[in-house]
Amino acid sequence: MMVRGSCGRCCTRIGKRFNTEDTEIEHRGHGEEMRIVVAAVMERKDRRLLIGQRRRSDSSPLKWEFPGGKVREGETAEAALARELREELGVTLTRCAEIGRVRHRYDVSVEDLEIRFFAATFAEAELAPTCFEQVAWVLPKELGQYDFLAANAELVANLATGRIKAAEILQGS
C-alpha cells in the first residue's frame, strides 16, 4: 500500500499507540509517496523475541529483521500482518497492537517506507519458516549482537533496554 508523504518530524514514533484502522496518512505540504510495511515483534513467555535473517539472495542479504512485509492495496495493516505471518512462518495471528512507526529510505530504494511495528501473538506451538535464512528466539538484551536492518535500529534499542516490552503492551491493549 502506498500513502502520501511525511515530514520527518513526525515519522519516527516508536513506543506510541496509533489508530491502525487508518490506512491513509497525508501530511500537508508533502508529496512523496511511501510504501507501508508491517513487522511483528513476538515475545514468548521466557521473554525471547523472534527474529529472522534475510536470505543471501534478498536485498540487504543476511540482515536480521522482525517478520512481516508490504501492505497490499486495500488491505489494513493488521490484515497484512496476518497474511505475512501465515506466508513467512506458517502461523495464525491471534492478537496485535501497534507499538511504533518509522519512516526510512534505503539507499537502493526510490521510495520511502513507513514501517509499522506490532506486538503480536500467534496460535501455533511450532513455526514453519519459509523465507528466512534462519530464525532465532533471542533475549532483548541479545538483540545488539545481531546485524539488523537500519530501519529497525530504534526499536531494537528500545526492546534491548526494556523501554518497550511487547508482551506487556498486548496485556494492556
N, C-alpha and C. Protein backbone atom coordinates (compact mmCIF):
# COMPACT_ATOMS: atom_id res chain seq x y z
N MET A 1 0.84 -1.17 0.00
CA MET A 1 0.00 0.00 0.00
C MET A 1 0.89 1.24 0.00
N MET A 2 0.46 2.24 -0.71
CA MET A 2 1.19 3.49 -0.75
C MET A 2 0.38 4.55 -0.01
N VAL A 3 1.08 5.41 0.70
CA VAL A 3 0.43 6.55 1.34
C VAL A 3 1.19 7.80 0.95
N ARG A 4 0.55 8.93 1.14
CA ARG A 4 1.20 10.20 0.81
C ARG A 4 2.21 10.54 1.88
N GLY A 5 3.16 11.37 1.53
CA GLY A 5 4.35 11.68 2.28
C GLY A 5 4.28 12.02 3.74
N SER A 6 5.41 12.35 4.27
CA SER A 6 5.58 12.63 5.68
C SER A 6 6.67 13.67 5.83
N CYS A 7 6.73 14.28 7.00
CA CYS A 7 7.59 15.44 7.13
C CYS A 7 8.93 15.19 7.80
N GLY A 8 9.13 14.04 8.41
CA GLY A 8 10.38 13.79 9.11
C GLY A 8 10.30 14.11 10.58
N ARG A 9 9.53 15.12 10.95
CA ARG A 9 9.37 15.46 12.37
C ARG A 9 8.46 14.46 13.07
N CYS A 10 7.53 13.89 12.34
CA CYS A 10 6.53 13.03 12.97
C CYS A 10 6.64 11.60 12.47
N CYS A 11 7.76 11.23 11.92
CA CYS A 11 7.83 9.93 11.27
C CYS A 11 8.45 8.83 12.12
N THR A 12 9.20 9.14 13.10
CA THR A 12 9.74 8.11 13.97
C THR A 12 8.93 8.13 15.24
N ARG A 13 8.13 7.12 15.44
CA ARG A 13 7.21 7.09 16.56
C ARG A 13 7.26 5.73 17.23
N ILE A 14 8.34 5.38 17.79
CA ILE A 14 8.45 4.09 18.45
C ILE A 14 7.93 4.22 19.87
N GLY A 15 7.11 3.26 20.27
CA GLY A 15 6.61 3.22 21.63
C GLY A 15 5.34 4.00 21.86
N LYS A 16 4.70 4.47 20.80
CA LYS A 16 3.45 5.20 20.94
C LYS A 16 2.33 4.38 20.32
N ARG A 17 1.11 4.63 20.73
CA ARG A 17 -0.04 3.90 20.20
C ARG A 17 -0.66 4.67 19.04
N PHE A 18 -1.25 3.92 18.10
CA PHE A 18 -1.85 4.51 16.92
C PHE A 18 -3.19 3.89 16.64
N ASN A 19 -4.03 4.61 15.93
CA ASN A 19 -5.26 4.06 15.40
C ASN A 19 -4.89 3.36 14.11
N THR A 20 -4.79 2.04 14.14
CA THR A 20 -4.32 1.31 12.97
C THR A 20 -5.43 1.02 11.98
N GLU A 21 -6.63 1.51 12.24
CA GLU A 21 -7.69 1.40 11.25
C GLU A 21 -7.38 2.31 10.07
N ASP A 22 -6.63 3.38 10.33
CA ASP A 22 -6.29 4.34 9.27
C ASP A 22 -5.24 3.73 8.36
N THR A 23 -5.55 3.64 7.09
CA THR A 23 -4.58 3.13 6.14
C THR A 23 -4.04 4.23 5.24
N GLU A 24 -4.59 5.42 5.34
CA GLU A 24 -4.10 6.54 4.55
C GLU A 24 -3.63 7.63 5.49
N ILE A 25 -2.47 8.18 5.21
CA ILE A 25 -1.93 9.27 6.00
C ILE A 25 -1.53 10.36 5.03
N GLU A 26 -1.89 11.57 5.31
CA GLU A 26 -1.45 12.66 4.46
C GLU A 26 -0.92 13.77 5.34
N HIS A 27 0.29 14.20 5.08
CA HIS A 27 0.89 15.33 5.78
C HIS A 27 0.85 16.50 4.82
N ARG A 28 0.25 17.58 5.22
CA ARG A 28 0.10 18.74 4.34
C ARG A 28 1.46 19.27 3.88
N GLY A 29 1.51 19.59 2.62
CA GLY A 29 2.71 20.21 2.08
C GLY A 29 3.76 19.23 1.60
N HIS A 30 3.46 17.96 1.57
CA HIS A 30 4.43 16.96 1.14
C HIS A 30 3.82 16.11 0.05
N GLY A 31 4.64 15.71 -0.89
CA GLY A 31 4.09 14.94 -1.99
C GLY A 31 4.76 13.61 -2.21
N GLU A 32 5.73 13.25 -1.37
CA GLU A 32 6.42 11.98 -1.59
C GLU A 32 5.46 10.83 -1.34
N GLU A 33 5.73 9.72 -2.00
CA GLU A 33 4.93 8.53 -1.77
C GLU A 33 5.70 7.58 -0.88
N MET A 34 4.95 6.85 -0.08
CA MET A 34 5.55 5.88 0.82
C MET A 34 4.88 4.54 0.65
N ARG A 35 5.64 3.50 0.88
CA ARG A 35 5.10 2.15 0.93
C ARG A 35 4.97 1.78 2.41
N ILE A 36 3.82 1.22 2.77
CA ILE A 36 3.58 0.78 4.14
C ILE A 36 4.05 -0.66 4.28
N VAL A 37 4.82 -0.90 5.33
CA VAL A 37 5.33 -2.23 5.66
C VAL A 37 4.97 -2.51 7.10
N VAL A 38 4.64 -3.76 7.40
CA VAL A 38 4.32 -4.16 8.77
C VAL A 38 5.35 -5.17 9.26
N ALA A 39 5.59 -5.17 10.57
CA ALA A 39 6.54 -6.12 11.16
C ALA A 39 6.04 -6.50 12.54
N ALA A 40 6.24 -7.76 12.89
CA ALA A 40 5.75 -8.31 14.16
C ALA A 40 6.88 -8.52 15.16
N VAL A 41 6.66 -8.02 16.38
CA VAL A 41 7.55 -8.30 17.50
C VAL A 41 6.81 -9.32 18.36
N MET A 42 7.28 -10.55 18.31
CA MET A 42 6.61 -11.64 19.02
C MET A 42 7.48 -12.10 20.18
N GLU A 43 6.90 -12.08 21.37
CA GLU A 43 7.63 -12.39 22.59
C GLU A 43 7.03 -13.64 23.24
N ARG A 44 7.91 -14.62 23.53
CA ARG A 44 7.47 -15.82 24.25
C ARG A 44 7.40 -15.54 25.74
N LYS A 45 6.88 -16.50 26.48
CA LYS A 45 6.77 -16.35 27.94
C LYS A 45 8.14 -16.21 28.61
N ASP A 46 9.19 -16.75 27.99
CA ASP A 46 10.54 -16.63 28.54
C ASP A 46 11.21 -15.32 28.12
N ARG A 47 10.42 -14.37 27.56
CA ARG A 47 10.83 -13.04 27.12
C ARG A 47 11.63 -13.03 25.82
N ARG A 48 11.88 -14.18 25.23
CA ARG A 48 12.64 -14.22 23.97
C ARG A 48 11.78 -13.71 22.82
N LEU A 49 12.44 -12.99 21.92
CA LEU A 49 11.79 -12.37 20.75
C LEU A 49 12.19 -13.12 19.49
N LEU A 50 11.25 -13.23 18.56
CA LEU A 50 11.52 -13.90 17.30
C LEU A 50 12.10 -12.92 16.29
N ILE A 51 13.23 -13.29 15.72
CA ILE A 51 13.85 -12.51 14.65
C ILE A 51 14.20 -13.45 13.50
N GLY A 52 14.26 -12.90 12.30
CA GLY A 52 14.59 -13.70 11.13
C GLY A 52 15.73 -13.06 10.36
N GLN A 53 16.56 -13.92 9.78
CA GLN A 53 17.68 -13.44 8.97
C GLN A 53 17.30 -13.55 7.49
N ARG A 54 17.43 -12.45 6.79
CA ARG A 54 17.11 -12.42 5.37
C ARG A 54 18.02 -13.39 4.60
N ARG A 55 17.50 -13.91 3.53
CA ARG A 55 18.28 -14.85 2.70
C ARG A 55 19.42 -14.13 2.00
N ARG A 56 20.41 -14.91 1.61
CA ARG A 56 21.58 -14.38 0.89
C ARG A 56 21.19 -13.71 -0.42
N SER A 57 20.12 -14.18 -1.05
CA SER A 57 19.69 -13.65 -2.35
C SER A 57 18.75 -12.45 -2.22
N ASP A 58 18.34 -12.09 -1.01
CA ASP A 58 17.43 -10.95 -0.80
C ASP A 58 18.19 -9.63 -0.86
N SER A 59 17.44 -8.53 -0.99
CA SER A 59 18.07 -7.23 -0.78
C SER A 59 18.49 -7.20 0.69
N SER A 60 19.53 -6.49 1.01
CA SER A 60 20.10 -6.48 2.38
C SER A 60 20.34 -7.91 2.86
N PRO A 61 21.15 -8.66 2.12
CA PRO A 61 21.35 -10.08 2.44
C PRO A 61 21.91 -10.30 3.84
N LEU A 62 21.35 -11.31 4.50
CA LEU A 62 21.77 -11.79 5.82
C LEU A 62 21.55 -10.80 6.96
N LYS A 63 20.86 -9.71 6.69
CA LYS A 63 20.49 -8.79 7.77
C LYS A 63 19.34 -9.41 8.56
N TRP A 64 19.25 -9.05 9.81
CA TRP A 64 18.18 -9.54 10.68
C TRP A 64 17.03 -8.56 10.69
N GLU A 65 15.83 -9.07 10.90
CA GLU A 65 14.62 -8.26 10.91
C GLU A 65 13.54 -8.95 11.72
N PHE A 66 12.46 -8.22 11.94
CA PHE A 66 11.27 -8.80 12.54
C PHE A 66 10.37 -9.24 11.39
N PRO A 67 9.73 -10.40 11.49
CA PRO A 67 8.90 -10.90 10.38
C PRO A 67 7.81 -9.92 9.98
N GLY A 68 7.52 -9.88 8.69
CA GLY A 68 6.47 -9.00 8.17
C GLY A 68 6.69 -8.73 6.70
N GLY A 69 6.01 -7.70 6.20
CA GLY A 69 6.16 -7.38 4.78
C GLY A 69 5.25 -6.25 4.36
N LYS A 70 5.09 -6.10 3.07
CA LYS A 70 4.35 -4.97 2.48
C LYS A 70 2.84 -5.13 2.63
N VAL A 71 2.20 -4.00 2.86
CA VAL A 71 0.74 -3.93 2.89
C VAL A 71 0.27 -3.76 1.45
N ARG A 72 -0.67 -4.61 1.04
CA ARG A 72 -1.21 -4.52 -0.31
C ARG A 72 -2.32 -3.48 -0.39
N GLU A 73 -2.57 -3.00 -1.59
CA GLU A 73 -3.63 -2.02 -1.82
C GLU A 73 -4.95 -2.56 -1.30
N GLY A 74 -5.66 -1.74 -0.52
CA GLY A 74 -6.96 -2.11 0.03
C GLY A 74 -6.90 -2.99 1.27
N GLU A 75 -5.71 -3.30 1.74
CA GLU A 75 -5.53 -4.19 2.89
C GLU A 75 -5.20 -3.35 4.13
N THR A 76 -5.77 -3.69 5.27
CA THR A 76 -5.41 -3.00 6.50
C THR A 76 -4.04 -3.50 6.96
N ALA A 77 -3.41 -2.75 7.83
CA ALA A 77 -2.11 -3.16 8.36
C ALA A 77 -2.23 -4.49 9.10
N GLU A 78 -3.30 -4.66 9.88
CA GLU A 78 -3.49 -5.90 10.63
C GLU A 78 -3.70 -7.10 9.70
N ALA A 79 -4.47 -6.90 8.65
CA ALA A 79 -4.69 -7.99 7.68
C ALA A 79 -3.38 -8.35 6.99
N ALA A 80 -2.59 -7.35 6.66
CA ALA A 80 -1.28 -7.60 6.03
C ALA A 80 -0.37 -8.36 6.99
N LEU A 81 -0.38 -7.98 8.26
CA LEU A 81 0.45 -8.67 9.24
C LEU A 81 0.04 -10.13 9.34
N ALA A 82 -1.26 -10.39 9.41
CA ALA A 82 -1.75 -11.77 9.49
C ALA A 82 -1.33 -12.57 8.26
N ARG A 83 -1.47 -11.97 7.07
CA ARG A 83 -1.08 -12.65 5.83
C ARG A 83 0.41 -12.94 5.79
N GLU A 84 1.21 -11.93 6.14
CA GLU A 84 2.67 -12.10 6.10
C GLU A 84 3.14 -13.17 7.10
N LEU A 85 2.57 -13.20 8.28
CA LEU A 85 2.97 -14.22 9.27
C LEU A 85 2.58 -15.62 8.80
N ARG A 86 1.43 -15.72 8.15
CA ARG A 86 0.99 -17.00 7.60
C ARG A 86 1.95 -17.44 6.49
N GLU A 87 2.31 -16.51 5.59
CA GLU A 87 3.18 -16.84 4.46
C GLU A 87 4.62 -17.11 4.91
N GLU A 88 5.15 -16.30 5.83
CA GLU A 88 6.56 -16.40 6.21
C GLU A 88 6.85 -17.46 7.27
N LEU A 89 5.88 -17.66 8.18
CA LEU A 89 6.14 -18.53 9.34
C LEU A 89 5.13 -19.66 9.50
N GLY A 90 4.07 -19.65 8.70
CA GLY A 90 3.04 -20.68 8.82
C GLY A 90 2.25 -20.58 10.11
N VAL A 91 2.06 -19.37 10.63
CA VAL A 91 1.34 -19.20 11.89
C VAL A 91 0.12 -18.29 11.69
N THR A 92 -0.80 -18.40 12.65
CA THR A 92 -2.03 -17.62 12.63
C THR A 92 -1.95 -16.52 13.67
N LEU A 93 -2.03 -15.28 13.23
CA LEU A 93 -2.02 -14.13 14.13
C LEU A 93 -3.26 -14.19 15.02
N THR A 94 -3.06 -14.08 16.34
CA THR A 94 -4.20 -14.09 17.26
C THR A 94 -4.46 -12.73 17.88
N ARG A 95 -3.43 -11.93 18.01
CA ARG A 95 -3.57 -10.63 18.65
C ARG A 95 -2.42 -9.73 18.23
N CYS A 96 -2.72 -8.43 18.09
CA CYS A 96 -1.64 -7.50 17.80
C CYS A 96 -2.01 -6.10 18.27
N ALA A 97 -0.99 -5.30 18.55
CA ALA A 97 -1.15 -3.90 18.93
C ALA A 97 0.04 -3.14 18.38
N GLU A 98 -0.23 -2.04 17.71
CA GLU A 98 0.86 -1.26 17.12
C GLU A 98 1.69 -0.63 18.22
N ILE A 99 3.02 -0.75 18.07
CA ILE A 99 3.93 -0.20 19.08
C ILE A 99 4.81 0.91 18.54
N GLY A 100 4.77 1.14 17.24
CA GLY A 100 5.57 2.23 16.70
C GLY A 100 5.59 2.25 15.20
N ARG A 101 6.05 3.39 14.69
CA ARG A 101 6.20 3.60 13.24
C ARG A 101 7.53 4.28 12.99
N VAL A 102 8.14 3.90 11.90
CA VAL A 102 9.39 4.52 11.48
C VAL A 102 9.31 4.76 9.99
N ARG A 103 9.78 5.92 9.57
CA ARG A 103 9.91 6.19 8.15
C ARG A 103 11.38 6.03 7.79
N HIS A 104 11.63 5.32 6.68
CA HIS A 104 13.01 5.05 6.30
C HIS A 104 13.10 4.91 4.78
N ARG A 105 14.23 5.33 4.24
CA ARG A 105 14.52 5.07 2.83
C ARG A 105 15.89 4.44 2.76
N TYR A 106 15.93 3.25 2.17
CA TYR A 106 17.21 2.58 1.96
C TYR A 106 17.88 3.15 0.73
N ASP A 107 19.21 3.13 0.71
CA ASP A 107 19.98 3.69 -0.40
C ASP A 107 19.59 3.10 -1.75
N VAL A 108 19.22 1.83 -1.76
CA VAL A 108 18.92 1.16 -3.02
C VAL A 108 17.47 1.35 -3.46
N SER A 109 16.69 2.11 -2.71
CA SER A 109 15.26 2.26 -3.00
C SER A 109 14.93 3.68 -3.47
N VAL A 110 13.89 3.77 -4.30
CA VAL A 110 13.43 5.08 -4.76
C VAL A 110 12.23 5.56 -3.95
N GLU A 111 11.69 4.70 -3.09
CA GLU A 111 10.53 5.08 -2.30
C GLU A 111 10.82 5.01 -0.81
N ASP A 112 10.11 5.85 -0.06
CA ASP A 112 10.20 5.80 1.39
C ASP A 112 9.33 4.66 1.89
N LEU A 113 9.74 4.10 3.00
CA LEU A 113 8.95 3.07 3.68
C LEU A 113 8.43 3.64 4.98
N GLU A 114 7.21 3.33 5.32
CA GLU A 114 6.71 3.56 6.66
C GLU A 114 6.54 2.18 7.25
N ILE A 115 7.38 1.84 8.23
CA ILE A 115 7.31 0.54 8.86
C ILE A 115 6.48 0.66 10.12
N ARG A 116 5.44 -0.14 10.21
CA ARG A 116 4.57 -0.17 11.38
C ARG A 116 4.89 -1.44 12.15
N PHE A 117 5.39 -1.25 13.36
CA PHE A 117 5.76 -2.39 14.21
C PHE A 117 4.60 -2.74 15.13
N PHE A 118 4.33 -4.02 15.26
CA PHE A 118 3.25 -4.52 16.10
C PHE A 118 3.78 -5.53 17.10
N ALA A 119 3.33 -5.42 18.36
CA ALA A 119 3.48 -6.53 19.29
C ALA A 119 2.44 -7.54 18.82
N ALA A 120 2.80 -8.82 18.75
CA ALA A 120 1.88 -9.81 18.18
C ALA A 120 2.04 -11.17 18.84
N THR A 121 0.96 -11.94 18.80
CA THR A 121 1.00 -13.33 19.26
C THR A 121 0.39 -14.20 18.16
N PHE A 122 0.73 -15.48 18.20
CA PHE A 122 0.20 -16.41 17.22
C PHE A 122 -0.25 -17.69 17.91
N ALA A 123 -1.07 -18.48 17.22
CA ALA A 123 -1.73 -19.63 17.81
C ALA A 123 -0.85 -20.88 17.89
N GLU A 124 -0.05 -21.12 16.90
CA GLU A 124 0.66 -22.39 16.79
C GLU A 124 1.81 -22.51 17.78
N ALA A 125 2.10 -23.74 18.15
CA ALA A 125 3.24 -24.00 19.04
C ALA A 125 4.55 -24.05 18.26
N GLU A 126 4.48 -24.40 16.99
CA GLU A 126 5.68 -24.54 16.15
C GLU A 126 5.62 -23.59 14.96
N LEU A 127 6.78 -23.10 14.57
CA LEU A 127 6.92 -22.26 13.38
C LEU A 127 7.27 -23.13 12.18
N ALA A 128 6.88 -22.66 10.99
CA ALA A 128 7.29 -23.30 9.75
C ALA A 128 7.85 -22.21 8.83
N PRO A 129 9.07 -21.71 9.15
CA PRO A 129 9.63 -20.60 8.37
C PRO A 129 9.85 -20.98 6.91
N THR A 130 9.49 -20.06 6.01
CA THR A 130 9.62 -20.33 4.58
C THR A 130 10.56 -19.37 3.85
N CYS A 131 10.84 -18.21 4.42
CA CYS A 131 11.56 -17.22 3.63
C CYS A 131 12.77 -16.61 4.34
N PHE A 132 13.25 -17.26 5.36
CA PHE A 132 14.42 -16.75 6.08
C PHE A 132 15.58 -17.73 5.95
N GLU A 133 16.78 -17.18 5.98
CA GLU A 133 17.99 -18.00 6.05
C GLU A 133 17.93 -18.82 7.35
N GLN A 134 17.53 -18.13 8.42
CA GLN A 134 17.32 -18.77 9.72
C GLN A 134 16.48 -17.85 10.59
N VAL A 135 15.86 -18.43 11.62
CA VAL A 135 15.14 -17.64 12.62
C VAL A 135 15.75 -17.96 13.97
N ALA A 136 15.56 -17.05 14.91
CA ALA A 136 16.11 -17.26 16.26
C ALA A 136 15.18 -16.61 17.28
N TRP A 137 15.10 -17.22 18.45
CA TRP A 137 14.41 -16.63 19.60
C TRP A 137 15.51 -16.10 20.51
N VAL A 138 15.56 -14.79 20.70
CA VAL A 138 16.65 -14.17 21.46
C VAL A 138 16.10 -13.29 22.57
N LEU A 139 16.88 -13.15 23.63
CA LEU A 139 16.52 -12.24 24.70
C LEU A 139 16.69 -10.80 24.22
N PRO A 140 15.88 -9.89 24.72
CA PRO A 140 16.02 -8.49 24.28
C PRO A 140 17.44 -7.96 24.42
N LYS A 141 18.12 -8.29 25.51
CA LYS A 141 19.49 -7.78 25.71
C LYS A 141 20.47 -8.34 24.68
N GLU A 142 20.10 -9.40 23.97
CA GLU A 142 20.97 -10.01 22.96
C GLU A 142 20.78 -9.40 21.56
N LEU A 143 19.76 -8.59 21.39
CA LEU A 143 19.45 -8.04 20.06
C LEU A 143 20.62 -7.28 19.44
N GLY A 144 21.40 -6.59 20.26
CA GLY A 144 22.54 -5.82 19.77
C GLY A 144 23.63 -6.67 19.15
N GLN A 145 23.58 -7.97 19.37
CA GLN A 145 24.59 -8.88 18.80
C GLN A 145 24.27 -9.27 17.35
N TYR A 146 23.11 -8.83 16.86
CA TYR A 146 22.67 -9.19 15.51
C TYR A 146 22.70 -7.96 14.61
N ASP A 147 23.02 -8.19 13.33
CA ASP A 147 23.13 -7.12 12.34
C ASP A 147 21.76 -6.87 11.72
N PHE A 148 21.00 -5.95 12.32
CA PHE A 148 19.63 -5.65 11.89
C PHE A 148 19.60 -4.65 10.74
N LEU A 149 18.49 -4.67 10.01
CA LEU A 149 18.22 -3.63 9.02
C LEU A 149 18.23 -2.27 9.72
N ALA A 150 18.70 -1.26 9.04
CA ALA A 150 18.84 0.08 9.63
C ALA A 150 17.51 0.62 10.18
N ALA A 151 16.42 0.34 9.50
CA ALA A 151 15.11 0.87 9.93
C ALA A 151 14.66 0.29 11.27
N ASN A 152 15.26 -0.79 11.70
CA ASN A 152 14.89 -1.44 12.97
C ASN A 152 15.68 -0.92 14.16
N ALA A 153 16.65 -0.04 13.93
CA ALA A 153 17.61 0.35 14.97
C ALA A 153 16.96 0.91 16.23
N GLU A 154 16.04 1.85 16.09
CA GLU A 154 15.44 2.47 17.27
C GLU A 154 14.59 1.46 18.05
N LEU A 155 13.83 0.65 17.35
CA LEU A 155 13.02 -0.37 18.01
C LEU A 155 13.92 -1.37 18.73
N VAL A 156 14.97 -1.82 18.08
CA VAL A 156 15.90 -2.76 18.70
C VAL A 156 16.47 -2.17 19.99
N ALA A 157 16.86 -0.91 19.95
CA ALA A 157 17.41 -0.25 21.15
C ALA A 157 16.36 -0.19 22.26
N ASN A 158 15.13 0.14 21.93
CA ASN A 158 14.07 0.22 22.93
C ASN A 158 13.72 -1.15 23.51
N LEU A 159 13.74 -2.17 22.69
CA LEU A 159 13.49 -3.53 23.19
C LEU A 159 14.64 -4.00 24.06
N ALA A 160 15.87 -3.74 23.61
CA ALA A 160 17.06 -4.20 24.33
C ALA A 160 17.18 -3.57 25.72
N THR A 161 16.75 -2.34 25.85
CA THR A 161 16.86 -1.65 27.14
C THR A 161 15.60 -1.80 28.00
N GLY A 162 14.60 -2.48 27.48
CA GLY A 162 13.38 -2.70 28.26
C GLY A 162 12.38 -1.56 28.22
N ARG A 163 12.65 -0.53 27.42
CA ARG A 163 11.68 0.57 27.31
C ARG A 163 10.39 0.12 26.64
N ILE A 164 10.50 -0.89 25.78
CA ILE A 164 9.33 -1.49 25.16
C ILE A 164 9.35 -2.97 25.47
N LYS A 165 8.21 -3.47 25.97
CA LYS A 165 8.04 -4.90 26.27
C LYS A 165 6.78 -5.34 25.55
N ALA A 166 6.96 -6.10 24.48
CA ALA A 166 5.84 -6.46 23.61
C ALA A 166 4.72 -7.16 24.37
N ALA A 167 5.04 -8.11 25.21
CA ALA A 167 4.00 -8.85 25.94
C ALA A 167 3.19 -7.95 26.84
N GLU A 168 3.84 -7.01 27.50
CA GLU A 168 3.13 -6.08 28.39
C GLU A 168 2.19 -5.17 27.59
N ILE A 169 2.60 -4.76 26.42
CA ILE A 169 1.76 -3.92 25.57
C ILE A 169 0.50 -4.69 25.17
N LEU A 170 0.66 -5.94 24.82
CA LEU A 170 -0.51 -6.74 24.45
C LEU A 170 -1.44 -6.96 25.65
N GLN A 171 -0.89 -7.12 26.82
CA GLN A 171 -1.73 -7.30 28.01
C GLN A 171 -2.55 -6.05 28.29
N GLY A 172 -1.98 -4.88 27.99
CA GLY A 172 -2.64 -3.62 28.26
C GLY A 172 -3.61 -3.18 27.17
N SER A 173 -3.59 -3.87 26.05
CA SER A 173 -4.45 -3.43 24.93
C SER A 173 -5.81 -4.09 24.97
